[in-house]
Amino acid sequence: MENITLGQIATLLAFIVALITSIKYLKNEIDKSISKTLEPINKKIDELDINQCRNYLVDFLTDKENGVKKDDIQSKRAYEIYDHYKNDLKGNSYIHDKWNKLMK
């Protein structure tokens, strides 16, 4: 059996560290590339989400203003969507003003 020297162990460790560092670098570069590619898609999805929330809330608030009865489930869903619109999507517009006026 051959004797393993301290230099060989150090060389092996340096190789392993370099390999791990290279793999991490490649992973980060791939992640950046994927994020950059998906960014326009995510932006469109966010715009669609904002518009869908606005449409739902405008319809709900208009119905509420016109005296159309809403059951508990519809009201709870409206509150969920409003919270998502306000907190997650950072929407703060005429919807916010009308919500405060009608839902108090």
C-alpha atoms as a PDB file:
ATOM      1  CA  MET A   1       0.000   0.000   0.000  1.00  0.00           C
ATOM      2  CA  GLU A   2       1.244   3.385  -0.927  1.00  0.00           C
ATOM      3  CA  ASN A   3       1.827   6.135   1.625  1.00  0.00           C
ATOM      4  CA  ILE A   4      -0.316   9.243   1.222  1.00  0.00           C
ATOM      5  CA  THR A   5       1.537  12.431   1.925  1.00  0.00           C
ATOM      6  CA  LEU A   6       0.264  15.596   3.513  1.00  0.00           C
ATOM      7  CA  GLY A   7       0.852  17.395   0.197  1.00  0.00           C
ATOM      8  CA  GLN A   8      -1.425  14.966  -1.625  1.00  0.00           C
ATOM      9  CA  ILE A   9      -4.171  15.462   0.953  1.00  0.00           C
ATOM     10  CA  ALA A  10      -3.812  19.240   0.655  1.00  0.00           C
ATOM     11  CA  THR A  11      -3.983  19.003  -3.142  1.00  0.00           C
ATOM     12  CA  LEU A  12      -7.089  16.833  -2.960  1.00  0.00           C
ATOM     13  CA  LEU A  13      -8.772  19.248  -0.526  1.00  0.00           C
ATOM     14  CA  ALA A  14      -7.883  22.226  -2.726  1.00  0.00           C
ATOM     15  CA  PHE A  15      -9.396  20.399  -5.703  1.00  0.00           C
ATOM     16  CA  ILE A  16     -12.597  19.628  -3.801  1.00  0.00           C
ATOM     17  CA  VAL A  17     -12.917  23.233  -2.607  1.00  0.00           C
ATOM     18  CA  ALA A  18     -12.335  24.525  -6.139  1.00  0.00           C
ATOM     19  CA  LEU A  19     -14.899  22.065  -7.513  1.00  0.00           C
ATOM     20  CA  ILE A  20     -17.521  23.100  -4.973  1.00  0.00           C
ATOM     21  CA  THR A  21     -16.826  26.788  -5.636  1.00  0.00           C
ATOM     22  CA  SER A  22     -17.166  26.237  -9.380  1.00  0.00           C
ATOM     23  CA  ILE A  23     -20.443  24.393  -8.943  1.00  0.00           C
ATOM     24  CA  LYS A  24     -21.811  27.189  -6.731  1.00  0.00           C
ATOM     25  CA  TYR A  25     -20.730  29.792  -9.290  1.00  0.00           C
ATOM     26  CA  LEU A  26     -22.393  27.885 -12.134  1.00  0.00           C
ATOM     27  CA  LYS A  27     -25.577  27.451 -10.089  1.00  0.00           C
ATOM     28  CA  ASN A  28     -25.686  31.188  -9.344  1.00  0.00           C
ATOM     29  CA  GLU A  29     -25.154  32.060 -13.004  1.00  0.00           C
ATOM     30  CA  ILE A  30     -27.888  29.657 -14.089  1.00  0.00           C
ATOM     31  CA  ASP A  31     -30.235  31.091 -11.434  1.00  0.00           C
ATOM     32  CA  LYS A  32     -29.514  34.635 -12.656  1.00  0.00           C
ATOM     33  CA  SER A  33     -30.149  33.607 -16.245  1.00  0.00           C
ATOM     34  CA  ILE A  34     -33.425  31.924 -15.373  1.00  0.00           C
ATOM     35  CA  SER A  35     -34.542  34.923 -13.279  1.00  0.00           C
ATOM     36  CA  LYS A  36     -33.680  37.314 -16.094  1.00  0.00           C
ATOM     37  CA  THR A  37     -35.599  35.171 -18.575  1.00  0.00           C
ATOM     38  CA  LEU A  38     -38.651  34.873 -16.332  1.00  0.00           C
ATOM     39  CA  GLU A  39     -38.721  38.525 -15.246  1.00  0.00           C
ATOM     40  CA  PRO A  40     -40.917  39.765 -18.136  1.00  0.00           C
ATOM     41  CA  ILE A  41     -43.294  36.839 -17.643  1.00  0.00           C
ATOM     42  CA  ASN A  42     -43.554  37.525 -13.910  1.00  0.00           C
ATOM     43  CA  LYS A  43     -44.194  41.195 -14.627  1.00  0.00           C
ATOM     44  CA  LYS A  44     -47.051  40.315 -16.985  1.00  0.00           C
ATOM     45  CA  ILE A  45     -48.502  37.916 -14.414  1.00  0.00           C
ATOM     46  CA  ASP A  46     -48.393  40.665 -11.767  1.00  0.00           C
ATOM     47  CA  GLU A  47     -50.115  43.096 -14.138  1.00  0.00           C
ATOM     48  CA  LEU A  48     -52.785  40.514 -14.878  1.00  0.00           C
ATOM     49  CA  ASP A  49     -53.231  39.846 -11.157  1.00  0.00           C
ATOM     50  CA  ILE A  50     -53.642  43.559 -10.415  1.00  0.00           C
ATOM     51  CA  ASN A  51     -56.167  43.964 -13.226  1.00  0.00           C
ATOM     52  CA  GLN A  52     -58.171  40.916 -12.150  1.00  0.00           C
ATOM     53  CA  CYS A  53     -58.279  42.174  -8.563  1.00  0.00           C
ATOM     54  CA  ARG A  54     -59.360  45.632  -9.703  1.00  0.00           C
ATOM     55  CA  ASN A  55     -62.091  44.196 -11.933  1.00  0.00           C
ATOM     56  CA  TYR A  56     -63.455  41.996  -9.165  1.00  0.00           C
ATOM     57  CA  LEU A  57     -63.329  44.767  -6.575  1.00  0.00           C
ATOM     58  CA  VAL A  58     -64.928  47.348  -8.870  1.00  0.00           C
ATOM     59  CA  ASP A  59     -67.774  44.938  -9.640  1.00  0.00           C
ATOM     60  CA  PHE A  60     -68.192  44.019  -5.982  1.00  0.00           C
ATOM     61  CA  LEU A  61     -68.141  47.624  -4.783  1.00  0.00           C
ATOM     62  CA  THR A  62     -70.494  48.764  -7.537  1.00  0.00           C
ATOM     63  CA  ASP A  63     -72.951  46.040  -6.585  1.00  0.00           C
ATOM     64  CA  LYS A  64     -72.604  47.018  -2.930  1.00  0.00           C
ATOM     65  CA  GLU A  65     -73.192  50.672  -3.785  1.00  0.00           C
ATOM     66  CA  ASN A  66     -76.295  49.768  -5.803  1.00  0.00           C
ATOM     67  CA  GLY A  67     -77.755  47.702  -2.984  1.00  0.00           C
ATOM     68  CA  VAL A  68     -77.154  44.274  -4.499  1.00  0.00           C
ATOM     69  CA  LYS A  69     -77.145  41.746  -1.669  1.00  0.00           C
ATOM     70  CA  LYS A  70     -73.892  39.828  -1.110  1.00  0.00           C
ATOM     71  CA  ASP A  71     -73.719  36.739   1.061  1.00  0.00           C
ATOM     72  CA  ASP A  72     -71.032  36.114   3.671  1.00  0.00           C
ATOM     73  CA  ILE A  73     -68.835  34.084   1.332  1.00  0.00           C
ATOM     74  CA  GLN A  74     -68.838  36.825  -1.306  1.00  0.00           C
ATOM     75  CA  SER A  75     -67.950  39.418   1.312  1.00  0.00           C
ATOM     76  CA  LYS A  76     -65.164  37.275   2.773  1.00  0.00           C
ATOM     77  CA  ARG A  77     -63.744  36.697  -0.692  1.00  0.00           C
ATOM     78  CA  ALA A  78     -63.885  40.425  -1.408  1.00  0.00           C
ATOM     79  CA  TYR A  79     -61.957  41.114   1.809  1.00  0.00           C
ATOM     80  CA  GLU A  80     -59.345  38.495   0.824  1.00  0.00           C
ATOM     81  CA  ILE A  81     -58.928  40.016  -2.623  1.00  0.00           C
ATOM     82  CA  TYR A  82     -58.781  43.533  -1.229  1.00  0.00           C
ATOM     83  CA  ASP A  83     -56.096  42.502   1.278  1.00  0.00           C
ATOM     84  CA  HIS A  84     -54.098  40.831  -1.499  1.00  0.00           C
ATOM     85  CA  TYR A  85     -54.520  43.888  -3.723  1.00  0.00           C
ATOM     86  CA  LYS A  86     -53.505  46.318  -0.991  1.00  0.00           C
ATOM     87  CA  ASN A  87     -50.770  44.357   0.825  1.00  0.00           C
ATOM     88  CA  ASP A  88     -49.217  41.995  -1.727  1.00  0.00           C
ATOM     89  CA  LEU A  89     -49.682  43.968  -4.928  1.00  0.00           C
ATOM     90  CA  LYS A  90     -49.307  47.372  -3.233  1.00  0.00           C
ATOM     91  CA  GLY A  91     -52.418  48.651  -4.979  1.00  0.00           C
ATOM     92  CA  ASN A  92     -53.624  51.934  -3.576  1.00  0.00           C
ATOM     93  CA  SER A  93     -55.925  53.816  -5.884  1.00  0.00           C
ATOM     94  CA  TYR A  94     -59.540  54.773  -6.379  1.00  0.00           C
ATOM     95  CA  ILE A  95     -60.322  51.211  -5.233  1.00  0.00           C
ATOM     96  CA  HIS A  96     -58.918  52.032  -1.800  1.00  0.00           C
ATOM     97  CA  ASP A  97     -61.006  55.195  -1.514  1.00  0.00           C
ATOM     98  CA  LYS A  98     -64.213  53.475  -2.609  1.00  0.00           C
ATOM     99  CA  TRP A  99     -63.537  50.485  -0.348  1.00  0.00           C
ATOM    100  CA  ASN A 100     -63.092  52.741   2.674  1.00  0.00           C
ATOM    101  CA  LYS A 101     -66.249  54.651   1.783  1.00  0.00           C
ATOM    102  CA  LEU A 102     -68.500  51.621   1.249  1.00  0.00           C
ATOM    103  CA  MET A 103     -67.129  48.956   3.558  1.00  0.00           C
ATOM    104  CA  LYS A 104     -67.007  50.940   6.801  1.00  0.00           C
END
